[in-house]
Amino acid sequence: MIPKPLITYIETAIIPRYKEFDKAHNLSHVRTVIEESLALARQHPEADERLAYVIAAYHDTGLCRDRTTHHLVSGEILMADSTLRQWFSDTEILLMKEAVEDHRASTDHEPRSIYGKIVAEADRIIDPDITLRRTVQYGLKQNPAADKEWHYQRFHQHLMAKYAPGGYLKLWFPEGKNAEQLKKLQAIIADEGRLRQVFNRIFEEEK
């Protein structure tokens, strides 16, 4: 059970920060990650949904500084938030900090706890259209002046590196819905004609 005052604090002091971030990390994103984290926590009796909730809420707050180290900065923000000590012990706060640090898809180590796996999995909501659109959106945000072909090459390279078989994306719950969705996404990536068609449509809608 998540205490109501904790929910109020997160809803008023933490979640609004996502209004300042890009389309791929906005309010809709954090709410989705919270929802998915809680669903996963409920499937694993050893997980405390209070911790899963807070971790999900803070996981991308470090984007206020930069993208490269945002997972580490997010952990620092959580750790430094003295308000959380009303509800959590030092041990729990450290556990949450580590989970936030471990959520990034490109991290080179397995999450250190069930909580890291939960937020990492929740953050990888794989819906082919959403994933492809977010990839285009990120490229446009980073380099809006580049031409369409540059954006396609970046889009293709990123998808191959992250989502194609052998890519760096790791799923921690192979029985989960992400695994099924990843197969659908991989089928699109493998068909370059179809992939370019999808890119062209999204690019025209987003540019």
Protein backbone atom coordinates (compact mmCIF):
# COMPACT_ATOMS: atom_id res chain seq x y z
CA MET A 1 0.00 0.00 0.00
CA ILE A 2 1.44 3.34 -1.03
CA PRO A 3 0.81 6.04 1.61
CA LYS A 4 -1.40 8.86 0.33
CA PRO A 5 0.98 11.61 1.52
CA LEU A 6 3.77 9.96 -0.49
CA ILE A 7 1.59 9.90 -3.60
CA THR A 8 0.72 13.56 -3.07
CA TYR A 9 4.39 14.47 -2.73
CA ILE A 10 5.40 12.56 -5.86
CA GLU A 11 2.47 13.95 -7.85
CA THR A 12 3.16 17.56 -6.90
CA ALA A 13 6.94 17.75 -6.49
CA ILE A 14 8.44 15.10 -8.78
CA ILE A 15 6.21 14.18 -11.70
CA PRO A 16 5.72 17.80 -12.89
CA ARG A 17 9.47 17.95 -13.62
CA TYR A 18 8.85 15.79 -16.67
CA LYS A 19 7.00 18.69 -18.34
CA GLU A 20 10.43 20.16 -19.10
CA PHE A 21 11.79 17.10 -20.88
CA ASP A 22 11.58 15.99 -24.50
CA LYS A 23 8.61 14.14 -26.00
CA ALA A 24 10.18 10.75 -25.35
CA HIS A 25 10.54 11.50 -21.63
CA ASN A 26 7.46 13.55 -20.88
CA LEU A 27 4.59 13.23 -18.40
CA SER A 28 3.01 10.46 -20.41
CA HIS A 29 6.27 8.50 -20.29
CA VAL A 30 6.77 8.72 -16.54
CA ARG A 31 3.15 7.77 -15.89
CA THR A 32 3.51 4.73 -18.15
CA VAL A 33 6.70 3.66 -16.37
CA ILE A 34 4.98 4.05 -12.99
CA GLU A 35 1.98 2.02 -14.13
CA GLU A 36 4.13 -0.75 -15.60
CA SER A 37 6.45 -0.80 -12.58
CA LEU A 38 3.52 -1.25 -10.21
CA ALA A 39 2.08 -4.01 -12.38
CA LEU A 40 5.42 -5.84 -12.35
CA ALA A 41 5.87 -5.32 -8.61
CA ARG A 42 2.48 -6.89 -7.97
CA GLN A 43 3.57 -9.96 -9.92
CA HIS A 44 6.63 -10.40 -7.69
CA PRO A 45 5.75 -10.88 -4.01
CA GLU A 46 9.28 -9.99 -2.90
CA ALA A 47 8.87 -6.46 -4.30
CA ASP A 48 7.47 -3.56 -2.29
CA GLU A 49 5.23 -1.42 -4.47
CA ARG A 50 6.12 1.71 -2.49
CA LEU A 51 9.73 1.41 -3.64
CA ALA A 52 8.75 0.52 -7.21
CA TYR A 53 6.53 3.60 -7.35
CA VAL A 54 9.20 6.02 -6.16
CA ILE A 55 11.91 4.53 -8.37
CA ALA A 56 9.70 4.89 -11.44
CA ALA A 57 8.84 8.48 -10.54
CA TYR A 58 12.49 9.53 -10.20
CA HIS A 59 14.04 7.38 -12.92
CA ASP A 60 14.51 10.15 -15.52
CA THR A 61 14.63 13.24 -13.30
CA GLY A 62 18.36 13.53 -14.06
CA LEU A 63 17.51 14.67 -17.59
CA CYS A 64 17.49 18.14 -16.03
CA ARG A 65 21.29 17.93 -16.35
CA ASP A 66 22.01 15.76 -19.39
CA ARG A 67 21.08 12.55 -21.14
CA THR A 68 24.44 10.81 -20.96
CA THR A 69 24.60 10.59 -17.18
CA HIS A 70 20.92 11.10 -16.42
CA HIS A 71 20.54 7.71 -14.73
CA LEU A 72 23.30 8.58 -12.26
CA VAL A 73 22.01 12.11 -11.70
CA SER A 74 18.50 10.72 -11.14
CA GLY A 75 19.94 8.49 -8.43
CA GLU A 76 21.64 11.48 -6.82
CA ILE A 77 18.39 13.45 -6.88
CA LEU A 78 16.52 10.62 -5.18
CA MET A 79 19.26 10.09 -2.60
CA ALA A 80 19.40 13.79 -1.77
CA ASP A 81 15.64 14.17 -1.34
CA SER A 82 15.27 14.35 2.42
CA THR A 83 11.46 14.34 2.17
CA LEU A 84 11.59 10.65 1.25
CA ARG A 85 13.03 9.86 4.67
CA GLN A 86 9.55 10.32 6.10
CA TRP A 87 8.61 7.02 4.49
CA PHE A 88 11.83 5.11 3.83
CA SER A 89 14.86 3.87 5.72
CA ASP A 90 18.43 4.62 4.64
CA THR A 91 18.69 1.07 3.30
CA GLU A 92 15.56 1.48 1.20
CA ILE A 93 16.71 4.83 -0.15
CA LEU A 94 20.05 3.34 -1.19
CA LEU A 95 18.22 0.44 -2.83
CA MET A 96 16.04 2.88 -4.77
CA LYS A 97 19.04 4.98 -5.80
CA GLU A 98 20.79 1.90 -7.18
CA ALA A 99 17.66 0.83 -9.06
CA VAL A 100 17.36 4.24 -10.69
CA GLU A 101 21.04 4.10 -11.67
CA ASP A 102 20.56 0.63 -13.16
CA HIS A 103 17.53 1.42 -15.32
CA ARG A 104 19.35 2.60 -18.42
CA ALA A 105 19.13 0.25 -21.41
CA SER A 106 22.79 0.69 -22.32
CA THR A 107 24.11 0.00 -18.84
CA ASP A 108 26.88 -2.58 -18.85
CA HIS A 109 25.73 -4.55 -15.82
CA GLU A 110 22.67 -6.41 -14.67
CA PRO A 111 20.46 -4.43 -12.28
CA ARG A 112 21.51 -5.06 -8.69
CA SER A 113 18.02 -5.81 -7.38
CA ILE A 114 14.51 -6.79 -8.40
CA TYR A 115 13.69 -3.07 -8.34
CA GLY A 116 16.33 -2.25 -10.92
CA LYS A 117 14.94 -4.98 -13.14
CA ILE A 118 11.38 -3.73 -12.66
CA VAL A 119 12.11 -0.12 -13.61
CA ALA A 120 14.40 -1.17 -16.46
CA GLU A 121 11.68 -3.41 -17.88
CA ALA A 122 8.97 -0.79 -17.34
CA ASP A 123 11.11 1.83 -19.07
CA ARG A 124 11.42 -0.41 -22.11
CA ILE A 125 7.76 -0.37 -22.97
CA ILE A 126 8.01 -1.82 -26.43
CA ASP A 127 5.20 -0.83 -28.69
CA PRO A 128 6.55 -0.86 -32.25
CA ASP A 129 4.86 2.38 -33.31
CA ILE A 130 5.72 4.25 -30.11
CA THR A 131 9.31 2.99 -30.12
CA LEU A 132 9.82 3.95 -33.76
CA ARG A 133 8.20 7.35 -33.23
CA ARG A 134 10.31 8.08 -30.16
CA THR A 135 13.42 7.23 -32.14
CA VAL A 136 12.48 9.74 -34.84
CA GLN A 137 11.54 12.36 -32.25
CA TYR A 138 14.86 12.05 -30.49
CA GLY A 139 16.81 12.49 -33.74
CA LEU A 140 14.80 15.58 -34.64
CA LYS A 141 15.39 17.07 -31.21
CA GLN A 142 19.13 16.42 -31.35
CA ASN A 143 19.69 17.62 -34.90
CA PRO A 144 16.67 19.44 -36.33
CA ALA A 145 18.70 20.93 -39.19
CA ALA A 146 19.84 17.59 -40.61
CA ASP A 147 18.27 16.30 -43.79
CA LYS A 148 15.86 13.39 -44.01
CA GLU A 149 18.48 10.85 -45.11
CA TRP A 150 20.70 11.70 -42.14
CA HIS A 151 17.74 11.12 -39.86
CA TYR A 152 16.94 7.80 -41.51
CA GLN A 153 20.50 6.57 -41.15
CA ARG A 154 20.57 7.57 -37.48
CA PHE A 155 17.15 5.95 -36.94
CA HIS A 156 18.26 2.72 -38.61
CA GLN A 157 21.60 2.59 -36.81
CA HIS A 158 19.99 3.12 -33.41
CA LEU A 159 17.34 0.47 -33.98
CA MET A 160 19.91 -2.07 -35.14
CA ALA A 161 22.21 -1.38 -32.19
CA LYS A 162 19.47 -1.52 -29.57
CA TYR A 163 16.57 -3.69 -30.72
CA ALA A 164 17.83 -6.08 -33.40
CA PRO A 165 18.86 -9.60 -32.33
CA GLY A 166 22.13 -9.21 -30.43
CA GLY A 167 21.37 -5.56 -29.64
CA TYR A 168 22.17 -4.06 -26.28
CA LEU A 169 18.57 -4.00 -25.03
CA LYS A 170 18.11 -6.51 -22.23
CA LEU A 171 14.73 -7.74 -21.05
CA TRP A 172 14.66 -9.01 -17.49
CA PHE A 173 11.27 -10.70 -17.58
CA PRO A 174 11.28 -12.98 -20.63
CA GLU A 175 7.72 -14.07 -19.91
CA GLY A 176 6.51 -10.45 -20.07
CA LYS A 177 4.70 -8.64 -22.84
CA ASN A 178 7.84 -6.76 -23.87
CA ALA A 179 9.38 -9.97 -25.23
CA GLU A 180 6.41 -10.51 -27.53
CA GLN A 181 6.41 -6.89 -28.66
CA LEU A 182 10.15 -7.00 -29.31
CA LYS A 183 9.62 -9.81 -31.81
CA LYS A 184 7.13 -7.63 -33.69
CA LEU A 185 9.55 -4.71 -33.71
CA GLN A 186 12.40 -6.92 -34.91
CA ALA A 187 10.25 -8.09 -37.82
CA ILE A 188 9.84 -4.47 -38.93
CA ILE A 189 13.54 -3.70 -38.49
CA ALA A 190 14.48 -6.77 -40.54
CA ASP A 191 12.36 -5.58 -43.49
CA GLU A 192 14.18 -2.46 -44.64
CA GLY A 193 11.59 -1.53 -47.23
CA ARG A 194 8.88 -1.57 -44.60
CA LEU A 195 11.12 0.19 -42.10
CA ARG A 196 11.82 3.04 -44.50
CA GLN A 197 8.12 3.35 -45.26
CA VAL A 198 7.32 3.63 -41.54
CA PHE A 199 10.14 6.14 -41.08
CA ASN A 200 8.90 8.30 -43.96
CA ARG A 201 5.41 8.45 -42.48
CA ILE A 202 6.56 9.29 -38.95
CA PHE A 203 9.17 11.78 -40.15
CA GLU A 204 6.58 13.73 -42.12
CA GLU A 205 4.26 13.77 -39.10
CA GLU A 206 6.93 14.86 -36.64
CA LYS A 207 9.17 17.28 -38.51
